[in-house]
Amino acid sequence: MNWKEQYKSFLWILLFFVFAYYMPVQNESFKSAIYEAFALAKWYAQEHVLLCLVPAFFIAGVISVFVSQNAVIKYLGAKASRWKAYLVASVSGTILAVCSCTVLPLFSGIHKRGAGLGPAIAFLYSGPAINILAIILTARVLGFELGMARIIGAVFFSVVIGLIMSLIYRREEKNKADAQLAMPEPEESRPLWETTFHFFVLVAILVFANWGKPDTTEGFWYLMFAYKWVLVGVFGILFSFSLIYILKLKKLFVFIGLVIVLTAALIWGNNPLIPFSAAVVILTLILTFSKGEPNEWLGESWGFAKQIMPLLGAGVLVAGFLLGSPNGGHGIIPNEWIVNLVGGNSLFSNFFASITGAFMYFATLTEIPILQGLISSGMGKGPALALLLAGPALSLPNMLVIRSIIGTQKTFVYISLVIIMATITGIIYGSIF
């Protein structure tokens, strides 16, 4: 009998027993925190899973199946020039309106296909940190200087953190690079433009489905928001053509699916989630009964969902319990404590803002109104930038999933680098402004 494993199991049972035995169920703060945990989970399920994560899983599946390993290696692996790999990875977030959790299946996909650890980490950080909508909204709501500091800091962070991670694990990366350099150059199964078109259409659907409402009812950005579902519909039709002419799915099945979705859009036009959900279900059914690459695409997408969703759910519950939900509720840690601890521009206030932001969950763009409230309550400009640089790129759910992809040690190093660099940047920015 392996006594070490038995004692490990016994310890978990003992910890749960002690927690259950002393659980302060009569305490109002504890009961409120429990409620907030489930409130956050409900909000996340309603506002974020269907429109953000589901398209992200399908995009990750495209990367895994249709983007050849050689293509990933060409731009992000050992065969790519270092400046090109980090350039591609560090600015990729500008086209993706993703949060720290939505980026995970995309990161897992490129890492699985052979991207170097450094560029993959740069992509992981840049995705949620510098999407174009967040940068624009930051500048409009929190000020131009903070918006510029965010984009400069985020691009710089992604490259530096990627380079440091690559340097720390250079021996492991060298072995990986040697294996890649020895690989032959097989021919691509389809033209690059076809894969690019299919990928672009899915990304466009993800971006426009999550297009946030601006703080004005005039101008280009509001116009994009007002017609975002029309744009999603247009790209949905283009997606149907891609299924037929690029993936070679049966025209009759795709046409019937398209008619059902358009009918649902006409009937339930005031609730776009219904036709969107119908499209997801129909696509899943069509891919289920297809063969070859389309069926593999569904399998890979489902694989990402199985890997990520359970950890994500657990992390969201814990984050809600500790810090509350976006509707203004309080977790077990009072919000007043956080506000009182991040005033001024001390080393402690910047570090506290960084580490608090790292563990909090921010959906795309939600960090801006939260930060606006904290600033109005006395938060310093340095800690505000520190939270902006650490918060959207990390979260407790995000950490759990990253650990399952690259391991505990690399995850700890990555988190530490983000927190340390956010702290230093916050101090510098706070001393200047």
Protein backbone atom coordinates (compact mmCIF):
# COMPACT_ATOMS: atom_id res chain seq x y z
CA MET A 1 0.00 0.00 0.00
CA ASN A 2 1.25 3.47 -0.92
CA TRP A 3 1.01 5.16 2.48
CA LYS A 4 2.03 8.56 1.08
CA GLU A 5 -1.04 8.62 -1.17
CA GLN A 6 -3.24 7.37 1.67
CA TYR A 7 -2.06 10.13 4.00
CA LYS A 8 -2.65 12.70 1.27
CA SER A 9 -6.26 11.51 0.92
CA PHE A 10 -6.66 11.48 4.70
CA LEU A 11 -5.35 15.05 4.94
CA TRP A 12 -7.91 16.29 2.40
CA ILE A 13 -10.71 14.54 4.28
CA LEU A 14 -9.47 15.97 7.59
CA LEU A 15 -9.28 19.51 6.20
CA PHE A 16 -12.81 19.28 4.83
CA PHE A 17 -14.07 17.89 8.15
CA VAL A 18 -12.46 20.71 10.16
CA PHE A 19 -13.84 23.30 7.73
CA ALA A 20 -17.34 21.80 7.89
CA TYR A 21 -17.18 21.45 11.70
CA TYR A 22 -16.29 25.09 12.29
CA MET A 23 -18.15 26.58 9.32
CA PRO A 24 -19.68 29.90 10.52
CA VAL A 25 -23.02 29.35 8.83
CA GLN A 26 -24.81 31.78 11.19
CA ASN A 27 -22.43 34.64 10.39
CA GLU A 28 -24.08 37.20 8.10
CA SER A 29 -20.83 38.03 6.28
CA PHE A 30 -20.23 34.35 5.58
CA LYS A 31 -23.78 33.85 4.29
CA SER A 32 -23.44 36.95 2.12
CA ALA A 33 -20.13 35.68 0.70
CA ILE A 34 -21.74 32.33 -0.14
CA TYR A 35 -24.51 34.17 -1.95
CA GLU A 36 -21.99 36.31 -3.84
CA ALA A 37 -20.08 33.20 -4.94
CA PHE A 38 -23.19 31.83 -6.63
CA ALA A 39 -24.20 35.29 -7.85
CA LEU A 40 -20.86 35.60 -9.64
CA ALA A 41 -21.25 32.10 -11.08
CA LYS A 42 -24.74 32.98 -12.35
CA TRP A 43 -23.57 36.29 -13.83
CA TYR A 44 -20.64 34.55 -15.50
CA ALA A 45 -22.90 31.86 -16.97
CA GLN A 46 -25.42 34.40 -18.28
CA GLU A 47 -23.09 37.10 -19.54
CA HIS A 48 -19.86 35.39 -20.49
CA VAL A 49 -19.94 31.68 -21.25
CA LEU A 50 -22.13 31.53 -24.34
CA LEU A 51 -20.88 34.59 -26.21
CA CYS A 52 -17.21 34.48 -25.15
CA LEU A 53 -16.07 31.02 -24.15
CA VAL A 54 -18.05 28.95 -26.66
CA PRO A 55 -16.67 30.83 -29.71
CA ALA A 56 -13.22 30.75 -28.07
CA PHE A 57 -13.40 26.96 -27.76
CA PHE A 58 -14.28 26.63 -31.45
CA ILE A 59 -11.46 29.05 -32.38
CA ALA A 60 -9.04 26.98 -30.29
CA GLY A 61 -10.29 23.89 -32.12
CA VAL A 62 -9.53 25.59 -35.45
CA ILE A 63 -5.98 26.26 -34.26
CA SER A 64 -5.55 22.64 -33.17
CA VAL A 65 -6.92 21.01 -36.33
CA PHE A 66 -6.71 23.42 -39.27
CA VAL A 67 -3.62 25.40 -38.34
CA SER A 68 -0.78 23.01 -39.01
CA GLN A 69 1.93 22.50 -36.43
CA ASN A 70 4.45 23.79 -38.95
CA ALA A 71 2.50 27.04 -39.36
CA VAL A 72 2.56 27.69 -35.60
CA ILE A 73 6.23 26.77 -35.44
CA LYS A 74 6.94 29.02 -38.42
CA TYR A 75 5.65 32.15 -36.66
CA LEU A 76 5.92 31.33 -32.95
CA GLY A 77 8.35 28.42 -32.65
CA ALA A 78 12.07 27.78 -32.93
CA LYS A 79 12.10 28.32 -36.70
CA ALA A 80 10.76 31.85 -36.38
CA SER A 81 13.02 34.81 -35.83
CA ARG A 82 12.71 35.91 -32.21
CA TRP A 83 11.56 39.46 -32.99
CA LYS A 84 8.87 38.21 -35.37
CA ALA A 85 7.56 35.62 -32.90
CA TYR A 86 7.26 38.11 -30.05
CA LEU A 87 5.84 40.81 -32.32
CA VAL A 88 3.05 38.50 -33.50
CA ALA A 89 2.33 37.26 -29.96
CA SER A 90 2.44 40.65 -28.22
CA VAL A 91 0.04 42.50 -30.53
CA SER A 92 -2.38 39.62 -31.17
CA GLY A 93 -4.59 40.78 -28.31
CA THR A 94 -5.60 43.92 -30.21
CA ILE A 95 -7.96 41.90 -32.43
CA LEU A 96 -9.45 39.74 -29.66
CA ALA A 97 -11.98 41.07 -27.15
CA VAL A 98 -11.10 38.35 -24.64
CA CYS A 99 -10.69 38.18 -20.88
CA SER A 100 -8.21 36.22 -18.77
CA CYS A 101 -10.38 33.11 -19.07
CA THR A 102 -11.52 33.34 -22.69
CA VAL A 103 -7.88 33.50 -23.84
CA LEU A 104 -7.08 30.16 -22.17
CA PRO A 105 -8.34 27.79 -24.89
CA LEU A 106 -6.51 29.90 -27.48
CA PHE A 107 -3.29 29.76 -25.44
CA SER A 108 -3.70 26.02 -24.91
CA GLY A 109 -4.20 25.57 -28.65
CA ILE A 110 -1.04 27.38 -29.79
CA HIS A 111 1.03 25.84 -26.98
CA LYS A 112 -0.19 22.38 -27.97
CA ARG A 113 0.72 23.03 -31.61
CA GLY A 114 4.35 23.74 -30.78
CA ALA A 115 4.69 27.46 -30.05
CA GLY A 116 7.74 28.35 -27.99
CA LEU A 117 7.09 28.96 -24.29
CA GLY A 118 8.13 32.63 -24.54
CA PRO A 119 5.86 33.63 -27.46
CA ALA A 120 3.01 31.51 -26.04
CA ILE A 121 3.29 33.32 -22.69
CA ALA A 122 3.47 36.67 -24.50
CA PHE A 123 0.23 35.75 -26.27
CA LEU A 124 -1.35 34.59 -22.99
CA TYR A 125 -0.64 37.97 -21.37
CA SER A 126 -1.33 40.24 -24.35
CA GLY A 127 -4.68 38.69 -25.30
CA PRO A 128 -6.76 40.06 -22.40
CA ALA A 129 -4.44 42.96 -21.57
CA ILE A 130 -4.50 45.00 -24.79
CA ASN A 131 -7.65 44.24 -26.73
CA ILE A 132 -8.53 47.36 -28.70
CA LEU A 133 -11.93 47.89 -27.06
CA ALA A 134 -10.42 47.90 -23.56
CA ILE A 135 -7.69 50.35 -24.56
CA ILE A 136 -10.18 52.77 -26.15
CA LEU A 137 -12.59 52.57 -23.20
CA THR A 138 -9.74 53.02 -20.70
CA ALA A 139 -8.63 56.20 -22.45
CA ARG A 140 -12.18 57.56 -22.68
CA VAL A 141 -13.26 56.78 -19.11
CA LEU A 142 -10.05 56.87 -17.07
CA GLY A 143 -8.07 59.36 -19.11
CA PHE A 144 -5.78 59.35 -22.15
CA GLU A 145 -2.57 59.07 -20.12
CA LEU A 146 -3.77 55.94 -18.31
CA GLY A 147 -4.95 54.42 -21.61
CA MET A 148 -1.54 55.00 -23.21
CA ALA A 149 0.28 53.71 -20.13
CA ARG A 150 -1.84 50.57 -20.28
CA ILE A 151 -1.10 49.73 -23.90
CA ILE A 152 2.62 50.53 -23.65
CA GLY A 153 2.97 48.61 -20.40
CA ALA A 154 0.99 45.62 -21.67
CA VAL A 155 3.01 45.20 -24.89
CA PHE A 156 6.26 45.66 -22.99
CA PHE A 157 5.12 43.23 -20.26
CA SER A 158 4.17 40.50 -22.70
CA VAL A 159 7.56 40.56 -24.42
CA VAL A 160 9.66 40.86 -21.25
CA ILE A 161 7.74 38.17 -19.35
CA GLY A 162 7.92 35.87 -22.38
CA LEU A 163 11.68 36.43 -22.72
CA ILE A 164 12.27 35.81 -18.99
CA MET A 165 10.19 32.61 -19.05
CA SER A 166 12.07 31.45 -22.12
CA LEU A 167 15.40 32.22 -20.44
CA ILE A 168 14.51 30.42 -17.20
CA TYR A 169 13.42 27.31 -19.06
CA ARG A 170 15.97 27.64 -21.86
CA ARG A 171 17.20 24.04 -21.54
CA GLU A 172 13.71 22.64 -21.95
CA GLU A 173 13.04 25.08 -24.80
CA LYS A 174 16.32 24.13 -26.49
CA ASN A 175 15.29 20.47 -26.57
CA LYS A 176 11.93 21.48 -27.99
CA ALA A 177 13.61 23.72 -30.57
CA ASP A 178 16.03 20.99 -31.65
CA ALA A 179 13.12 18.64 -32.20
CA GLN A 180 11.30 21.27 -34.27
CA LEU A 181 14.36 22.08 -36.38
CA ALA A 182 14.69 18.40 -37.22
CA MET A 183 11.10 18.19 -38.45
CA PRO A 184 10.51 17.98 -42.22
CA GLU A 185 8.44 20.56 -44.04
CA PRO A 186 5.27 18.74 -45.10
CA GLU A 187 2.93 20.33 -47.61
CA GLU A 188 -0.09 22.19 -46.31
CA SER A 189 -3.37 20.29 -46.69
CA ARG A 190 -5.17 23.46 -47.82
CA PRO A 191 -4.19 26.97 -48.93
CA LEU A 192 -3.31 29.34 -46.12
CA TRP A 193 -5.97 31.85 -47.18
CA GLU A 194 -8.75 29.30 -46.59
CA THR A 195 -7.67 28.62 -43.01
CA THR A 196 -7.14 32.36 -42.46
CA PHE A 197 -10.64 33.16 -43.75
CA HIS A 198 -12.29 30.51 -41.57
CA PHE A 199 -10.35 31.71 -38.52
CA PHE A 200 -11.04 35.41 -39.26
CA VAL A 201 -14.80 34.86 -39.53
CA LEU A 202 -14.92 33.09 -36.16
CA VAL A 203 -12.82 35.83 -34.52
CA ALA A 204 -15.11 38.49 -36.01
CA ILE A 205 -18.16 36.73 -34.55
CA LEU A 206 -16.43 36.60 -31.15
CA VAL A 207 -15.47 40.30 -31.29
CA PHE A 208 -18.81 41.72 -32.45
CA ALA A 209 -20.96 39.47 -30.25
CA ASN A 210 -19.10 40.92 -27.25
CA TRP A 211 -18.92 44.54 -28.45
CA GLY A 212 -19.54 46.66 -25.36
CA LYS A 213 -21.84 49.67 -25.15
CA PRO A 214 -19.84 52.93 -25.20
CA ASP A 215 -20.57 55.79 -22.81
CA THR A 216 -22.05 57.91 -25.61
CA THR A 217 -24.99 57.48 -27.97
CA GLU A 218 -23.20 59.09 -30.89
CA GLY A 219 -20.25 58.37 -33.12
CA PHE A 220 -18.67 55.34 -34.78
CA TRP A 221 -18.29 53.16 -31.67
CA TYR A 222 -21.95 53.48 -30.72
CA LEU A 223 -22.93 52.77 -34.34
CA MET A 224 -20.92 49.55 -34.18
CA PHE A 225 -22.65 48.64 -30.92
CA ALA A 226 -26.12 49.43 -32.31
CA TYR A 227 -25.58 47.16 -35.33
CA LYS A 228 -23.37 44.54 -33.71
CA TRP A 229 -25.90 41.72 -34.11
CA VAL A 230 -26.39 42.62 -37.76
CA LEU A 231 -22.62 42.29 -38.17
CA VAL A 232 -22.67 38.98 -36.30
CA GLY A 233 -25.38 37.82 -38.71
CA VAL A 234 -23.34 38.86 -41.75
CA PHE A 235 -20.28 37.00 -40.49
CA GLY A 236 -22.54 34.08 -39.61
CA ILE A 237 -23.60 33.84 -43.25
CA LEU A 238 -19.94 34.03 -44.33
CA PHE A 239 -19.25 31.27 -41.81
CA SER A 240 -21.89 29.12 -43.53
CA PHE A 241 -20.12 29.61 -46.86
CA SER A 242 -16.86 28.64 -45.17
CA LEU A 243 -18.44 25.44 -43.86
CA ILE A 244 -19.59 24.52 -47.36
CA TYR A 245 -16.71 25.59 -49.58
CA ILE A 246 -13.70 25.27 -47.26
CA LEU A 247 -14.68 22.45 -44.89
CA LYS A 248 -16.75 20.72 -47.61
CA LEU A 249 -19.72 20.00 -45.33
CA LYS A 250 -22.99 18.90 -46.92
CA LYS A 251 -24.74 21.91 -48.44
CA LEU A 252 -28.21 20.68 -47.48
CA PHE A 253 -27.35 20.40 -43.77
CA VAL A 254 -25.70 23.82 -43.67
CA PHE A 255 -28.56 25.42 -45.61
CA ILE A 256 -31.21 23.94 -43.28
CA GLY A 257 -29.21 25.13 -40.27
CA LEU A 258 -28.90 28.63 -41.73
CA VAL A 259 -32.65 28.82 -42.37
CA ILE A 260 -33.40 27.74 -38.78
CA VAL A 261 -31.04 30.35 -37.32
CA LEU A 262 -32.37 33.16 -39.56
CA THR A 263 -35.95 32.20 -38.64
CA ALA A 264 -35.06 32.28 -34.94
CA ALA A 265 -33.49 35.72 -35.46
CA LEU A 266 -36.68 37.04 -37.08
CA ILE A 267 -38.95 35.61 -34.35
CA TRP A 268 -36.75 36.40 -31.34
CA GLY A 269 -34.93 39.44 -32.69
CA ASN A 270 -35.13 41.13 -29.28
CA ASN A 271 -33.22 38.25 -27.69
CA PRO A 272 -30.13 37.50 -29.84
CA LEU A 273 -29.01 34.74 -27.47
CA ILE A 274 -31.73 32.44 -28.86
CA PRO A 275 -30.55 32.42 -32.51
CA PHE A 276 -26.92 32.43 -31.30
CA SER A 277 -27.60 29.36 -29.15
CA ALA A 278 -29.44 27.70 -32.02
CA ALA A 279 -26.42 28.29 -34.26
CA VAL A 280 -24.10 26.67 -31.70
CA VAL A 281 -26.36 23.62 -31.31
CA ILE A 282 -26.81 23.18 -35.08
CA LEU A 283 -23.08 23.55 -35.74
CA THR A 284 -22.37 20.95 -33.06
CA LEU A 285 -24.86 18.50 -34.59
CA ILE A 286 -23.50 18.98 -38.13
CA LEU A 287 -19.91 18.45 -36.98
CA THR A 288 -20.95 15.42 -34.88
CA PHE A 289 -22.22 13.58 -37.94
CA SER A 290 -19.37 14.68 -40.19
CA LYS A 291 -16.12 12.84 -40.81
CA GLY A 292 -12.49 13.83 -41.06
CA GLU A 293 -11.29 17.30 -40.08
CA PRO A 294 -14.74 18.77 -39.22
CA ASN A 295 -15.34 16.00 -36.68
CA GLU A 296 -11.81 16.41 -35.32
CA TRP A 297 -12.50 20.14 -34.96
CA LEU A 298 -15.50 19.40 -32.73
CA GLY A 299 -13.47 16.86 -30.76
CA GLU A 300 -10.66 19.30 -30.07
CA SER A 301 -13.11 22.07 -29.12
CA TRP A 302 -14.87 19.71 -26.70
CA GLY A 303 -11.50 18.66 -25.31
CA PHE A 304 -10.68 22.26 -24.43
CA ALA A 305 -14.10 22.69 -22.83
CA LYS A 306 -13.68 19.56 -20.68
CA GLN A 307 -10.25 20.68 -19.54
CA ILE A 308 -11.10 24.28 -18.78
CA MET A 309 -14.74 24.55 -17.64
CA PRO A 310 -14.57 22.56 -14.35
CA LEU A 311 -11.54 24.50 -13.10
CA LEU A 312 -13.08 27.73 -14.34
CA GLY A 313 -16.30 27.08 -12.44
CA ALA A 314 -14.46 26.28 -9.21
CA GLY A 315 -12.29 29.36 -9.55
CA VAL A 316 -15.27 31.66 -10.20
CA LEU A 317 -17.01 30.38 -7.06
CA VAL A 318 -13.90 30.98 -4.92
CA ALA A 319 -13.34 34.44 -6.44
CA GLY A 320 -16.96 35.39 -5.75
CA PHE A 321 -16.74 34.12 -2.17
CA LEU A 322 -13.59 36.13 -1.46
CA LEU A 323 -14.24 39.33 -3.43
CA GLY A 324 -17.92 39.47 -4.34
CA SER A 325 -19.70 39.82 -7.67
CA PRO A 326 -19.88 42.67 -10.25
CA ASN A 327 -23.38 43.69 -9.11
CA GLY A 328 -21.91 45.49 -6.11
CA GLY A 329 -22.11 42.68 -3.56
CA HIS A 330 -19.36 42.05 -1.02
CA GLY A 331 -17.36 38.88 -0.53
CA ILE A 332 -15.81 37.72 2.71
CA ILE A 333 -13.12 40.41 2.17
CA PRO A 334 -14.83 43.84 2.53
CA ASN A 335 -14.33 46.17 -0.42
CA GLU A 336 -13.54 49.00 1.99
CA TRP A 337 -10.40 47.21 3.07
CA ILE A 338 -9.15 47.11 -0.50
CA VAL A 339 -9.88 50.80 -1.08
CA ASN A 340 -8.12 51.79 2.15
CA LEU A 341 -5.06 49.75 1.23
CA VAL A 342 -4.46 51.14 -2.27
CA GLY A 343 -4.36 54.88 -1.64
CA GLY A 344 -1.20 56.84 -2.39
CA ASN A 345 1.78 55.44 -4.29
CA SER A 346 3.73 53.37 -1.79
CA LEU A 347 5.43 50.08 -2.55
CA PHE A 348 2.83 48.30 -0.45
CA SER A 349 -0.19 49.96 -2.12
CA ASN A 350 1.11 49.08 -5.61
CA PHE A 351 1.98 45.53 -4.58
CA PHE A 352 -1.40 45.08 -2.91
CA ALA A 353 -3.20 46.41 -6.00
CA SER A 354 -1.20 44.04 -8.20
CA ILE A 355 -1.82 40.94 -6.14
CA THR A 356 -5.48 41.79 -5.54
CA GLY A 357 -6.02 42.42 -9.24
CA ALA A 358 -4.23 39.18 -10.08
CA PHE A 359 -6.68 37.12 -8.03
CA MET A 360 -9.85 39.04 -8.94
CA TYR A 361 -11.86 38.03 -12.00
CA PHE A 362 -12.46 40.70 -14.66
CA ALA A 363 -14.57 39.97 -17.71
CA THR A 364 -13.65 41.96 -20.81
CA LEU A 365 -14.05 45.71 -20.10
CA THR A 366 -15.51 45.23 -16.58
CA GLU A 367 -12.23 46.26 -14.97
CA ILE A 368 -12.82 49.85 -16.17
CA PRO A 369 -16.01 50.69 -14.22
CA ILE A 370 -14.65 48.82 -11.19
CA LEU A 371 -11.44 50.80 -11.32
CA GLN A 372 -13.36 54.03 -11.89
CA GLY A 373 -15.19 53.40 -8.60
CA LEU A 374 -11.97 52.61 -6.76
CA ILE A 375 -10.26 55.76 -8.09
CA SER A 376 -13.22 57.91 -7.04
CA SER A 377 -12.90 56.36 -3.55
CA GLY A 378 -9.27 57.44 -3.22
CA MET A 379 -7.20 54.88 -5.11
CA GLY A 380 -3.83 56.25 -6.29
CA LYS A 381 -2.92 56.45 -9.98
CA GLY A 382 0.05 54.12 -9.56
CA PRO A 383 -1.96 51.31 -7.93
CA ALA A 384 -4.68 51.90 -10.54
CA LEU A 385 -2.24 51.14 -13.38
CA ALA A 386 -0.78 48.21 -11.41
CA LEU A 387 -4.26 46.71 -11.09
CA LEU A 388 -4.95 47.37 -14.78
CA LEU A 389 -1.79 45.53 -15.80
CA ALA A 390 -2.17 42.57 -13.42
CA GLY A 391 -5.96 42.26 -13.25
CA PRO A 392 -7.25 41.58 -16.78
CA ALA A 393 -4.32 39.23 -17.55
CA LEU A 394 -4.76 37.06 -14.45
CA SER A 395 -7.52 35.72 -12.24
CA LEU A 396 -7.90 32.82 -9.83
CA PRO A 397 -9.84 30.71 -12.40
CA ASN A 398 -7.23 31.62 -15.01
CA MET A 399 -4.37 30.46 -12.73
CA LEU A 400 -5.95 27.05 -12.12
CA VAL A 401 -6.31 26.39 -15.83
CA ILE A 402 -2.81 27.65 -16.74
CA ARG A 403 -1.41 25.25 -14.12
CA SER A 404 -3.14 22.34 -15.88
CA ILE A 405 -1.53 23.39 -19.20
CA ILE A 406 2.09 24.27 -18.31
CA GLY A 407 2.49 22.91 -14.78
CA THR A 408 2.69 24.34 -11.26
CA GLN A 409 6.23 25.72 -11.37
CA LYS A 410 5.89 27.63 -14.64
CA THR A 411 2.51 28.99 -13.53
CA PHE A 412 3.99 30.26 -10.26
CA VAL A 413 6.87 31.94 -12.12
CA TYR A 414 4.47 33.56 -14.61
CA ILE A 415 2.16 34.89 -11.87
CA SER A 416 5.12 36.21 -9.87
CA LEU A 417 6.56 38.04 -12.90
CA VAL A 418 3.23 39.70 -13.68
CA ILE A 419 2.75 40.87 -10.07
CA ILE A 420 6.34 42.12 -9.69
CA MET A 421 6.37 44.01 -12.99
CA ALA A 422 2.91 45.51 -12.38
CA THR A 423 4.10 46.73 -8.97
CA ILE A 424 7.26 48.35 -10.35
CA THR A 425 5.38 49.96 -13.25
CA GLY A 426 2.73 51.30 -10.90
CA ILE A 427 5.35 52.95 -8.70
CA ILE A 428 7.06 54.57 -11.69
CA TYR A 429 3.77 55.79 -13.21
CA GLY A 430 2.49 57.06 -9.87
CA SER A 431 5.68 59.04 -9.23
CA ILE A 432 5.43 60.70 -12.68
CA PHE A 433 1.72 61.50 -12.66
